[in-house]
Amino acid sequence: MNALGISTAEWVKSSYSGGNEGECVEFAANLTSIVPVRDSKDTNRPPLIFQAPAWSAFVTSVKRAAPLA
């Protein structure tokens, strides 16, 4: 993972993640050009890596979407 430059990632749980029952997504927003995303239940798996502009567009879309019923 060091080759990807994520050794200094500071992981944050998404506010859209479920409670303590499982559905937990974490991301690291402290890196400049990439945003790694991982399942907090399995931190040994390699994270998904997104370019920062693509992640920003995704987050903007999620925020604009209607809340789930």
N, C-alpha and C. Protein backbone atom coordinates (compact mmCIF):
# COMPACT_ATOMS: atom_id res chain seq x y z
N MET A 1 0.81 -1.20 0.00
CA MET A 1 0.00 0.00 0.00
C MET A 1 0.85 1.26 0.00
N ASN A 2 2.06 1.17 0.46
CA ASN A 2 2.92 2.34 0.47
C ASN A 2 3.17 2.86 -0.93
N ALA A 3 3.22 1.96 -1.92
CA ALA A 3 3.46 2.38 -3.30
C ALA A 3 2.34 3.29 -3.80
N LEU A 4 1.15 3.16 -3.25
CA LEU A 4 0.02 4.01 -3.64
C LEU A 4 0.04 5.34 -2.91
N GLY A 5 0.91 5.48 -1.93
CA GLY A 5 0.98 6.73 -1.18
C GLY A 5 -0.09 6.88 -0.13
N ILE A 6 -0.61 5.77 0.38
CA ILE A 6 -1.68 5.88 1.37
C ILE A 6 -1.23 5.50 2.79
N SER A 7 0.06 5.40 2.98
CA SER A 7 0.55 5.04 4.31
C SER A 7 0.21 6.10 5.35
N THR A 8 -0.05 7.31 4.93
CA THR A 8 -0.39 8.39 5.86
C THR A 8 -1.90 8.67 5.88
N ALA A 9 -2.69 7.76 5.30
CA ALA A 9 -4.14 7.95 5.26
C ALA A 9 -4.71 8.04 6.67
N GLU A 10 -5.58 9.01 6.87
CA GLU A 10 -6.30 9.18 8.13
C GLU A 10 -7.75 8.79 7.85
N TRP A 11 -8.15 7.62 8.32
CA TRP A 11 -9.45 7.04 7.98
C TRP A 11 -10.57 7.66 8.79
N VAL A 12 -11.69 7.93 8.11
CA VAL A 12 -12.88 8.52 8.71
C VAL A 12 -14.08 7.69 8.27
N LYS A 13 -14.97 7.38 9.22
CA LYS A 13 -16.18 6.63 8.86
C LYS A 13 -17.17 7.57 8.17
N SER A 14 -17.74 7.10 7.07
CA SER A 14 -18.72 7.89 6.34
C SER A 14 -19.95 8.13 7.20
N SER A 15 -20.51 9.33 7.11
CA SER A 15 -21.74 9.64 7.84
C SER A 15 -22.92 8.87 7.27
N TYR A 16 -22.78 8.30 6.09
CA TYR A 16 -23.83 7.50 5.48
C TYR A 16 -23.73 6.03 5.86
N SER A 17 -22.73 5.66 6.64
CA SER A 17 -22.57 4.27 7.07
C SER A 17 -23.62 3.94 8.12
N GLY A 18 -23.96 2.66 8.20
CA GLY A 18 -24.90 2.21 9.20
C GLY A 18 -24.29 2.29 10.59
N GLY A 19 -25.04 1.82 11.56
CA GLY A 19 -24.55 1.81 12.94
C GLY A 19 -23.48 0.77 13.14
N ASN A 20 -23.46 0.18 14.30
CA ASN A 20 -22.44 -0.83 14.62
C ASN A 20 -22.78 -2.20 14.06
N GLU A 21 -23.82 -2.30 13.27
CA GLU A 21 -24.26 -3.59 12.74
C GLU A 21 -23.49 -4.04 11.52
N GLY A 22 -22.66 -3.20 10.93
CA GLY A 22 -21.88 -3.71 9.82
C GLY A 22 -21.59 -2.75 8.70
N GLU A 23 -22.55 -2.13 8.12
CA GLU A 23 -22.35 -1.35 6.90
C GLU A 23 -21.48 -0.12 7.14
N CYS A 24 -20.19 -0.33 7.21
CA CYS A 24 -19.28 0.77 7.53
C CYS A 24 -18.28 1.00 6.40
N VAL A 25 -18.33 2.19 5.86
CA VAL A 25 -17.39 2.59 4.82
C VAL A 25 -16.51 3.68 5.41
N GLU A 26 -15.21 3.56 5.19
CA GLU A 26 -14.27 4.58 5.63
C GLU A 26 -13.55 5.14 4.42
N PHE A 27 -13.16 6.40 4.54
CA PHE A 27 -12.40 7.03 3.48
C PHE A 27 -11.32 7.89 4.12
N ALA A 28 -10.34 8.26 3.32
CA ALA A 28 -9.28 9.14 3.80
C ALA A 28 -9.29 10.40 2.92
N ALA A 29 -9.58 11.53 3.53
CA ALA A 29 -9.66 12.79 2.79
C ALA A 29 -8.42 13.65 2.97
N ASN A 30 -7.42 13.14 3.68
CA ASN A 30 -6.24 13.96 3.95
C ASN A 30 -5.16 13.86 2.87
N LEU A 31 -5.40 13.07 1.84
CA LEU A 31 -4.43 12.94 0.75
C LEU A 31 -4.82 13.90 -0.37
N THR A 32 -3.86 14.37 -1.13
CA THR A 32 -4.15 15.46 -2.06
C THR A 32 -4.81 15.05 -3.36
N SER A 33 -4.37 13.98 -4.00
CA SER A 33 -4.89 13.68 -5.33
C SER A 33 -5.74 12.43 -5.41
N ILE A 34 -5.73 11.63 -4.35
CA ILE A 34 -6.53 10.41 -4.35
C ILE A 34 -7.36 10.31 -3.08
N VAL A 35 -8.43 9.51 -3.16
CA VAL A 35 -9.25 9.23 -1.98
C VAL A 35 -9.41 7.71 -1.89
N PRO A 36 -8.71 7.08 -0.95
CA PRO A 36 -8.90 5.66 -0.75
C PRO A 36 -10.18 5.41 0.06
N VAL A 37 -10.88 4.34 -0.28
CA VAL A 37 -12.14 3.98 0.38
C VAL A 37 -12.05 2.50 0.75
N ARG A 38 -12.46 2.16 1.98
CA ARG A 38 -12.37 0.77 2.41
C ARG A 38 -13.56 0.38 3.27
N ASP A 39 -13.70 -0.93 3.44
CA ASP A 39 -14.69 -1.52 4.33
C ASP A 39 -14.04 -1.59 5.71
N SER A 40 -14.62 -0.93 6.69
CA SER A 40 -13.99 -0.89 8.01
C SER A 40 -13.98 -2.24 8.71
N LYS A 41 -14.80 -3.18 8.25
CA LYS A 41 -14.81 -4.50 8.85
C LYS A 41 -13.66 -5.37 8.35
N ASP A 42 -13.04 -4.97 7.26
CA ASP A 42 -11.96 -5.77 6.66
C ASP A 42 -10.85 -4.84 6.20
N THR A 43 -10.15 -4.26 7.15
CA THR A 43 -9.13 -3.26 6.84
C THR A 43 -7.87 -3.85 6.24
N ASN A 44 -7.75 -5.17 6.21
CA ASN A 44 -6.59 -5.80 5.57
C ASN A 44 -6.73 -5.88 4.06
N ARG A 45 -7.94 -5.74 3.55
CA ARG A 45 -8.14 -5.74 2.10
C ARG A 45 -7.66 -4.41 1.54
N PRO A 46 -7.13 -4.42 0.35
CA PRO A 46 -6.71 -3.16 -0.27
C PRO A 46 -7.92 -2.25 -0.48
N PRO A 47 -7.77 -0.97 -0.25
CA PRO A 47 -8.89 -0.05 -0.46
C PRO A 47 -9.11 0.22 -1.95
N LEU A 48 -10.30 0.69 -2.27
CA LEU A 48 -10.55 1.21 -3.61
C LEU A 48 -9.92 2.59 -3.66
N ILE A 49 -9.33 2.94 -4.78
CA ILE A 49 -8.66 4.24 -4.91
C ILE A 49 -9.38 5.05 -5.99
N PHE A 50 -9.81 6.25 -5.62
CA PHE A 50 -10.48 7.15 -6.55
C PHE A 50 -9.65 8.42 -6.72
N GLN A 51 -9.66 8.98 -7.91
CA GLN A 51 -9.06 10.29 -8.12
C GLN A 51 -9.92 11.29 -7.35
N ALA A 52 -9.31 12.28 -6.73
CA ALA A 52 -10.03 13.23 -5.89
C ALA A 52 -11.21 13.91 -6.61
N PRO A 53 -11.06 14.36 -7.87
CA PRO A 53 -12.21 14.99 -8.54
C PRO A 53 -13.38 14.01 -8.75
N ALA A 54 -13.09 12.76 -9.03
CA ALA A 54 -14.16 11.76 -9.21
C ALA A 54 -14.88 11.52 -7.89
N TRP A 55 -14.14 11.43 -6.80
CA TRP A 55 -14.75 11.22 -5.49
C TRP A 55 -15.61 12.42 -5.11
N SER A 56 -15.12 13.61 -5.38
CA SER A 56 -15.88 14.83 -5.08
C SER A 56 -17.20 14.85 -5.84
N ALA A 57 -17.16 14.47 -7.12
CA ALA A 57 -18.39 14.43 -7.92
C ALA A 57 -19.37 13.40 -7.37
N PHE A 58 -18.86 12.25 -6.94
CA PHE A 58 -19.71 11.21 -6.35
C PHE A 58 -20.37 11.72 -5.07
N VAL A 59 -19.60 12.32 -4.18
CA VAL A 59 -20.15 12.82 -2.92
C VAL A 59 -21.20 13.89 -3.18
N THR A 60 -20.93 14.78 -4.12
CA THR A 60 -21.91 15.82 -4.46
C THR A 60 -23.21 15.20 -4.94
N SER A 61 -23.13 14.16 -5.77
CA SER A 61 -24.32 13.48 -6.27
C SER A 61 -25.11 12.81 -5.14
N VAL A 62 -24.41 12.19 -4.22
CA VAL A 62 -25.07 11.52 -3.09
C VAL A 62 -25.80 12.56 -2.24
N LYS A 63 -25.15 13.68 -1.97
CA LYS A 63 -25.77 14.73 -1.15
C LYS A 63 -27.01 15.31 -1.79
N ARG A 64 -27.04 15.36 -3.13
CA ARG A 64 -28.20 15.92 -3.84
C ARG A 64 -29.35 14.96 -3.97
N ALA A 65 -29.07 13.67 -3.83
CA ALA A 65 -30.10 12.64 -3.99
C ALA A 65 -31.13 12.73 -2.87
N ALA A 66 -32.33 12.32 -3.19
CA ALA A 66 -33.40 12.31 -2.19
C ALA A 66 -33.07 11.28 -1.12
N PRO A 67 -33.39 11.56 0.12
CA PRO A 67 -33.13 10.59 1.20
C PRO A 67 -33.91 9.30 0.97
N LEU A 68 -33.33 8.20 1.41
CA LEU A 68 -34.02 6.91 1.31
C LEU A 68 -35.15 6.85 2.32
N ALA A 69 -36.24 6.24 1.94
CA ALA A 69 -37.38 6.12 2.85
C ALA A 69 -37.22 4.98 3.81
